[in-house]
Amino acid sequence: MIKDVIEHVGGIGLYGMVSLLLFFAVFVGVLVWAFRLDRARLDSAARLPLETDSVNSRKEDPHE
């Protein structure tokens, strides 16, 4: 059914089916990659903007 609809939309034929399959392949690939990420690494990356660095805390802020 989807193949018939895509083929008849603007006469795109095979290009529509290939682009649809490519989109879903990339989408599923990103989902698999996201679910396989290490939770501890994500948590440490999430805290990075909130951590204070001892080197940065000793510098004077030129904006103050």
PDB file of N, CA and C in Angstrom:
ATOM      1  N   MET A   1       0.820  -1.191   0.000  1.00  0.00           N
ATOM      2  CA  MET A   1       0.000   0.000   0.000  1.00  0.00           C
ATOM      3  C   MET A   1       0.869   1.262   0.000  1.00  0.00           C
ATOM      4  N   ILE A   2       1.860   1.328   0.877  1.00  0.00           N
ATOM      5  CA  ILE A   2       2.717   2.507   0.942  1.00  0.00           C
ATOM      6  C   ILE A   2       3.479   2.675  -0.364  1.00  0.00           C
ATOM      7  N   LYS A   3       3.921   1.555  -0.932  1.00  0.00           N
ATOM      8  CA  LYS A   3       4.662   1.610  -2.193  1.00  0.00           C
ATOM      9  C   LYS A   3       3.794   2.204  -3.295  1.00  0.00           C
ATOM     10  N   ASP A   4       2.520   1.823  -3.358  1.00  0.00           N
ATOM     11  CA  ASP A   4       1.614   2.353  -4.389  1.00  0.00           C
ATOM     12  C   ASP A   4       1.389   3.844  -4.205  1.00  0.00           C
ATOM     13  N   VAL A   5       1.236   4.274  -2.968  1.00  0.00           N
ATOM     14  CA  VAL A   5       1.011   5.696  -2.697  1.00  0.00           C
ATOM     15  C   VAL A   5       2.239   6.504  -3.077  1.00  0.00           C
ATOM     16  N   ILE A   6       3.415   6.038  -2.694  1.00  0.00           N
ATOM     17  CA  ILE A   6       4.642   6.770  -2.970  1.00  0.00           C
ATOM     18  C   ILE A   6       4.923   6.831  -4.473  1.00  0.00           C
ATOM     19  N   GLU A   7       4.673   5.754  -5.181  1.00  0.00           N
ATOM     20  CA  GLU A   7       4.926   5.736  -6.615  1.00  0.00           C
ATOM     21  C   GLU A   7       4.011   6.696  -7.370  1.00  0.00           C
ATOM     22  N   HIS A   8       2.815   6.920  -6.880  1.00  0.00           N
ATOM     23  CA  HIS A   8       1.862   7.764  -7.591  1.00  0.00           C
ATOM     24  C   HIS A   8       1.921   9.236  -7.168  1.00  0.00           C
ATOM     25  N   VAL A   9       2.710   9.549  -6.153  1.00  0.00           N
ATOM     26  CA  VAL A   9       2.833  10.939  -5.721  1.00  0.00           C
ATOM     27  C   VAL A   9       3.881  11.623  -6.588  1.00  0.00           C
ATOM     28  N   GLY A  10       3.465  12.456  -7.477  1.00  0.00           N
ATOM     29  CA  GLY A  10       4.378  13.232  -8.296  1.00  0.00           C
ATOM     30  C   GLY A  10       5.237  12.430  -9.251  1.00  0.00           C
ATOM     31  N   GLY A  11       4.939  11.174  -9.459  1.00  0.00           N
ATOM     32  CA  GLY A  11       5.702  10.352 -10.378  1.00  0.00           C
ATOM     33  C   GLY A  11       7.132  10.091  -9.939  1.00  0.00           C
ATOM     34  N   ILE A  12       7.390  10.035  -8.645  1.00  0.00           N
ATOM     35  CA  ILE A  12       8.763   9.870  -8.165  1.00  0.00           C
ATOM     36  C   ILE A  12       9.213   8.419  -8.206  1.00  0.00           C
ATOM     37  N   GLY A  13       8.294   7.500  -8.208  1.00  0.00           N
ATOM     38  CA  GLY A  13       8.609   6.090  -8.385  1.00  0.00           C
ATOM     39  C   GLY A  13       9.563   5.515  -7.370  1.00  0.00           C
ATOM     40  N   LEU A  14      10.666   4.990  -7.864  1.00  0.00           N
ATOM     41  CA  LEU A  14      11.635   4.273  -7.039  1.00  0.00           C
ATOM     42  C   LEU A  14      12.337   5.192  -6.040  1.00  0.00           C
ATOM     43  N   TYR A  15      12.533   6.451  -6.395  1.00  0.00           N
ATOM     44  CA  TYR A  15      13.229   7.382  -5.503  1.00  0.00           C
ATOM     45  C   TYR A  15      12.478   7.566  -4.179  1.00  0.00           C
ATOM     46  N   GLY A  16      11.186   7.605  -4.233  1.00  0.00           N
ATOM     47  CA  GLY A  16      10.395   7.748  -3.012  1.00  0.00           C
ATOM     48  C   GLY A  16      10.557   6.568  -2.085  1.00  0.00           C
ATOM     49  N   MET A  17      10.537   5.362  -2.648  1.00  0.00           N
ATOM     50  CA  MET A  17      10.677   4.164  -1.823  1.00  0.00           C
ATOM     51  C   MET A  17      12.085   4.078  -1.236  1.00  0.00           C
ATOM     52  N   VAL A  18      13.092   4.397  -2.022  1.00  0.00           N
ATOM     53  CA  VAL A  18      14.470   4.357  -1.528  1.00  0.00           C
ATOM     54  C   VAL A  18      14.673   5.381  -0.421  1.00  0.00           C
ATOM     55  N   SER A  19      14.146   6.584  -0.608  1.00  0.00           N
ATOM     56  CA  SER A  19      14.319   7.614   0.425  1.00  0.00           C
ATOM     57  C   SER A  19      13.567   7.247   1.699  1.00  0.00           C
ATOM     58  N   LEU A  20      12.404   6.648   1.585  1.00  0.00           N
ATOM     59  CA  LEU A  20      11.654   6.219   2.759  1.00  0.00           C
ATOM     60  C   LEU A  20      12.404   5.124   3.513  1.00  0.00           C
ATOM     61  N   LEU A  21      12.925   4.155   2.795  1.00  0.00           N
ATOM     62  CA  LEU A  21      13.679   3.084   3.435  1.00  0.00           C
ATOM     63  C   LEU A  21      14.973   3.608   4.070  1.00  0.00           C
ATOM     64  N   LEU A  22      15.620   4.543   3.400  1.00  0.00           N
ATOM     65  CA  LEU A  22      16.830   5.137   3.960  1.00  0.00           C
ATOM     66  C   LEU A  22      16.521   5.915   5.239  1.00  0.00           C
ATOM     67  N   PHE A  23      15.435   6.653   5.246  1.00  0.00           N
ATOM     68  CA  PHE A  23      15.032   7.396   6.441  1.00  0.00           C
ATOM     69  C   PHE A  23      14.785   6.450   7.610  1.00  0.00           C
ATOM     70  N   PHE A  24      14.030   5.390   7.382  1.00  0.00           N
ATOM     71  CA  PHE A  24      13.732   4.461   8.467  1.00  0.00           C
ATOM     72  C   PHE A  24      14.980   3.724   8.938  1.00  0.00           C
ATOM     73  N   ALA A  25      15.899   3.409   8.023  1.00  0.00           N
ATOM     74  CA  ALA A  25      17.136   2.741   8.418  1.00  0.00           C
ATOM     75  C   ALA A  25      17.968   3.655   9.321  1.00  0.00           C
ATOM     76  N   VAL A  26      18.076   4.922   8.965  1.00  0.00           N
ATOM     77  CA  VAL A  26      18.828   5.871   9.789  1.00  0.00           C
ATOM     78  C   VAL A  26      18.126   6.075  11.129  1.00  0.00           C
ATOM     79  N   PHE A  27      16.809   6.191  11.111  1.00  0.00           N
ATOM     80  CA  PHE A  27      16.041   6.386  12.339  1.00  0.00           C
ATOM     81  C   PHE A  27      16.229   5.207  13.293  1.00  0.00           C
ATOM     82  N   VAL A  28      16.124   4.003  12.789  1.00  0.00           N
ATOM     83  CA  VAL A  28      16.300   2.816  13.633  1.00  0.00           C
ATOM     84  C   VAL A  28      17.745   2.732  14.119  1.00  0.00           C
ATOM     85  N   GLY A  29      18.707   3.089  13.265  1.00  0.00           N
ATOM     86  CA  GLY A  29      20.108   3.088  13.669  1.00  0.00           C
ATOM     87  C   GLY A  29      20.383   4.049  14.809  1.00  0.00           C
ATOM     88  N   VAL A  30      19.801   5.225  14.752  1.00  0.00           N
ATOM     89  CA  VAL A  30      19.979   6.205  15.827  1.00  0.00           C
ATOM     90  C   VAL A  30      19.311   5.721  17.109  1.00  0.00           C
ATOM     91  N   LEU A  31      18.158   5.105  16.998  1.00  0.00           N
ATOM     92  CA  LEU A  31      17.495   4.559  18.190  1.00  0.00           C
ATOM     93  C   LEU A  31      18.342   3.474  18.852  1.00  0.00           C
ATOM     94  N   VAL A  32      18.892   2.573  18.060  1.00  0.00           N
ATOM     95  CA  VAL A  32      19.732   1.505  18.607  1.00  0.00           C
ATOM     96  C   VAL A  32      20.970   2.109  19.262  1.00  0.00           C
ATOM     97  N   TRP A  33      21.593   3.098  18.601  1.00  0.00           N
ATOM     98  CA  TRP A  33      22.774   3.751  19.165  1.00  0.00           C
ATOM     99  C   TRP A  33      22.443   4.439  20.487  1.00  0.00           C
ATOM    100  N   ALA A  34      21.309   5.116  20.555  1.00  0.00           N
ATOM    101  CA  ALA A  34      20.925   5.839  21.765  1.00  0.00           C
ATOM    102  C   ALA A  34      20.658   4.892  22.931  1.00  0.00           C
ATOM    103  N   PHE A  35      20.036   3.761  22.658  1.00  0.00           N
ATOM    104  CA  PHE A  35      19.740   2.830  23.743  1.00  0.00           C
ATOM    105  C   PHE A  35      20.970   2.059  24.199  1.00  0.00           C
ATOM    106  N   ARG A  36      22.021   2.010  23.384  1.00  0.00           N
ATOM    107  CA  ARG A  36      23.225   1.285  23.758  1.00  0.00           C
ATOM    108  C   ARG A  36      24.252   2.163  24.465  1.00  0.00           C
ATOM    109  N   LEU A  37      23.972   3.450  24.622  1.00  0.00           N
ATOM    110  CA  LEU A  37      24.912   4.346  25.289  1.00  0.00           C
ATOM    111  C   LEU A  37      25.067   3.970  26.761  1.00  0.00           C
ATOM    112  N   ASP A  38      26.267   4.212  27.277  1.00  0.00           N
ATOM    113  CA  ASP A  38      26.571   3.915  28.670  1.00  0.00           C
ATOM    114  C   ASP A  38      25.935   4.966  29.575  1.00  0.00           C
ATOM    115  N   ARG A  39      25.144   4.517  30.525  1.00  0.00           N
ATOM    116  CA  ARG A  39      24.407   5.425  31.409  1.00  0.00           C
ATOM    117  C   ARG A  39      25.340   6.262  32.274  1.00  0.00           C
ATOM    118  N   ALA A  40      26.419   5.673  32.765  1.00  0.00           N
ATOM    119  CA  ALA A  40      27.359   6.411  33.615  1.00  0.00           C
ATOM    120  C   ALA A  40      28.027   7.531  32.818  1.00  0.00           C
ATOM    121  N   ARG A  41      28.368   7.265  31.576  1.00  0.00           N
ATOM    122  CA  ARG A  41      28.993   8.299  30.735  1.00  0.00           C
ATOM    123  C   ARG A  41      28.012   9.432  30.462  1.00  0.00           C
ATOM    124  N   LEU A  42      26.761   9.119  30.241  1.00  0.00           N
ATOM    125  CA  LEU A  42      25.757  10.149  30.016  1.00  0.00           C
ATOM    126  C   LEU A  42      25.551  11.000  31.262  1.00  0.00           C
ATOM    127  N   ASP A  43      25.527  10.369  32.428  1.00  0.00           N
ATOM    128  CA  ASP A  43      25.354  11.117  33.672  1.00  0.00           C
ATOM    129  C   ASP A  43      26.534  12.056  33.930  1.00  0.00           C
ATOM    130  N   SER A  44      27.757  11.584  33.658  1.00  0.00           N
ATOM    131  CA  SER A  44      28.915  12.452  33.868  1.00  0.00           C
ATOM    132  C   SER A  44      28.919  13.604  32.859  1.00  0.00           C
ATOM    133  N   ALA A  45      28.481  13.368  31.643  1.00  0.00           N
ATOM    134  CA  ALA A  45      28.399  14.435  30.645  1.00  0.00           C
ATOM    135  C   ALA A  45      27.307  15.437  31.007  1.00  0.00           C
ATOM    136  N   ALA A  46      26.243  14.980  31.627  1.00  0.00           N
ATOM    137  CA  ALA A  46      25.159  15.874  32.012  1.00  0.00           C
ATOM    138  C   ALA A  46      25.582  16.813  33.142  1.00  0.00           C
ATOM    139  N   ARG A  47      26.509  16.364  33.981  1.00  0.00           N
ATOM    140  CA  ARG A  47      26.974  17.193  35.096  1.00  0.00           C
ATOM    141  C   ARG A  47      28.086  18.151  34.714  1.00  0.00           C
ATOM    142  N   LEU A  48      28.685  18.020  33.550  1.00  0.00           N
ATOM    143  CA  LEU A  48      29.835  18.836  33.168  1.00  0.00           C
ATOM    144  C   LEU A  48      29.597  20.338  33.266  1.00  0.00           C
ATOM    145  N   PRO A  49      28.504  20.874  32.774  1.00  0.00           N
ATOM    146  CA  PRO A  49      28.328  22.320  32.863  1.00  0.00           C
ATOM    147  C   PRO A  49      28.176  22.823  34.301  1.00  0.00           C
ATOM    148  N   LEU A  50      27.841  21.957  35.223  1.00  0.00           N
ATOM    149  CA  LEU A  50      27.590  22.362  36.595  1.00  0.00           C
ATOM    150  C   LEU A  50      28.811  22.233  37.494  1.00  0.00           C
ATOM    151  N   GLU A  51      29.822  21.492  37.049  1.00  0.00           N
ATOM    152  CA  GLU A  51      31.005  21.289  37.862  1.00  0.00           C
ATOM    153  C   GLU A  51      31.894  22.527  37.803  1.00  0.00           C
ATOM    154  N   THR A  52      32.541  22.819  38.930  1.00  0.00           N
ATOM    155  CA  THR A  52      33.495  23.930  38.946  1.00  0.00           C
ATOM    156  C   THR A  52      34.896  23.353  38.861  1.00  0.00           C
ATOM    157  N   ASP A  53      35.685  23.961  38.054  1.00  0.00           N
ATOM    158  CA  ASP A  53      37.063  23.526  37.878  1.00  0.00           C
ATOM    159  C   ASP A  53      37.960  24.373  38.772  1.00  0.00           C
ATOM    160  N   SER A  54      38.909  23.758  39.457  1.00  0.00           N
ATOM    161  CA  SER A  54      39.765  24.518  40.373  1.00  0.00           C
ATOM    162  C   SER A  54      40.604  25.544  39.621  1.00  0.00           C
ATOM    163  N   VAL A  55      40.964  25.273  38.380  1.00  0.00           N
ATOM    164  CA  VAL A  55      41.743  26.227  37.593  1.00  0.00           C
ATOM    165  C   VAL A  55      40.872  27.423  37.230  1.00  0.00           C
ATOM    166  N   ASN A  56      39.650  27.180  36.817  1.00  0.00           N
ATOM    167  CA  ASN A  56      38.750  28.262  36.428  1.00  0.00           C
ATOM    168  C   ASN A  56      38.281  29.084  37.621  1.00  0.00           C
ATOM    169  N   SER A  57      38.193  28.477  38.781  1.00  0.00           N
ATOM    170  CA  SER A  57      37.699  29.223  39.939  1.00  0.00           C
ATOM    171  C   SER A  57      38.743  30.215  40.444  1.00  0.00           C
ATOM    172  N   ARG A  58      40.044  29.997  40.150  1.00  0.00           N
ATOM    173  CA  ARG A  58      41.092  30.913  40.582  1.00  0.00           C
ATOM    174  C   ARG A  58      41.264  32.086  39.626  1.00  0.00           C
ATOM    175  N   LYS A  59      40.799  31.957  38.406  1.00  0.00           N
ATOM    176  CA  LYS A  59      40.927  33.050  37.436  1.00  0.00           C
ATOM    177  C   LYS A  59      39.934  34.159  37.761  1.00  0.00           C
ATOM    178  N   GLU A  60      40.345  35.364  37.458  1.00  0.00           N
ATOM    179  CA  GLU A  60      39.415  36.471  37.628  1.00  0.00           C
ATOM    180  C   GLU A  60      38.477  36.525  36.432  1.00  0.00           C
ATOM    181  N   ASP A  61      37.241  36.818  36.695  1.00  0.00           N
ATOM    182  CA  ASP A  61      36.265  36.920  35.621  1.00  0.00           C
ATOM    183  C   ASP A  61      36.341  38.333  35.041  1.00  0.00           C
ATOM    184  N   PRO A  62      36.705  38.466  33.763  1.00  0.00           N
ATOM    185  CA  PRO A  62      36.836  39.814  33.186  1.00  0.00           C
ATOM    186  C   PRO A  62      35.491  40.517  32.988  1.00  0.00           C
ATOM    187  N   HIS A  63      34.429  39.817  33.170  1.00  0.00           N
ATOM    188  CA  HIS A  63      33.091  40.414  32.960  1.00  0.00           C
ATOM    189  C   HIS A  63      32.518  41.029  34.231  1.00  0.00           C
ATOM    190  N   GLU A  64      33.212  40.897  35.324  1.00  0.00           N
ATOM    191  CA  GLU A  64      32.676  41.447  36.576  1.00  0.00           C
ATOM    192  C   GLU A  64      33.233  42.804  36.860  1.00  0.00           C
TER     193      GLU A  64
END
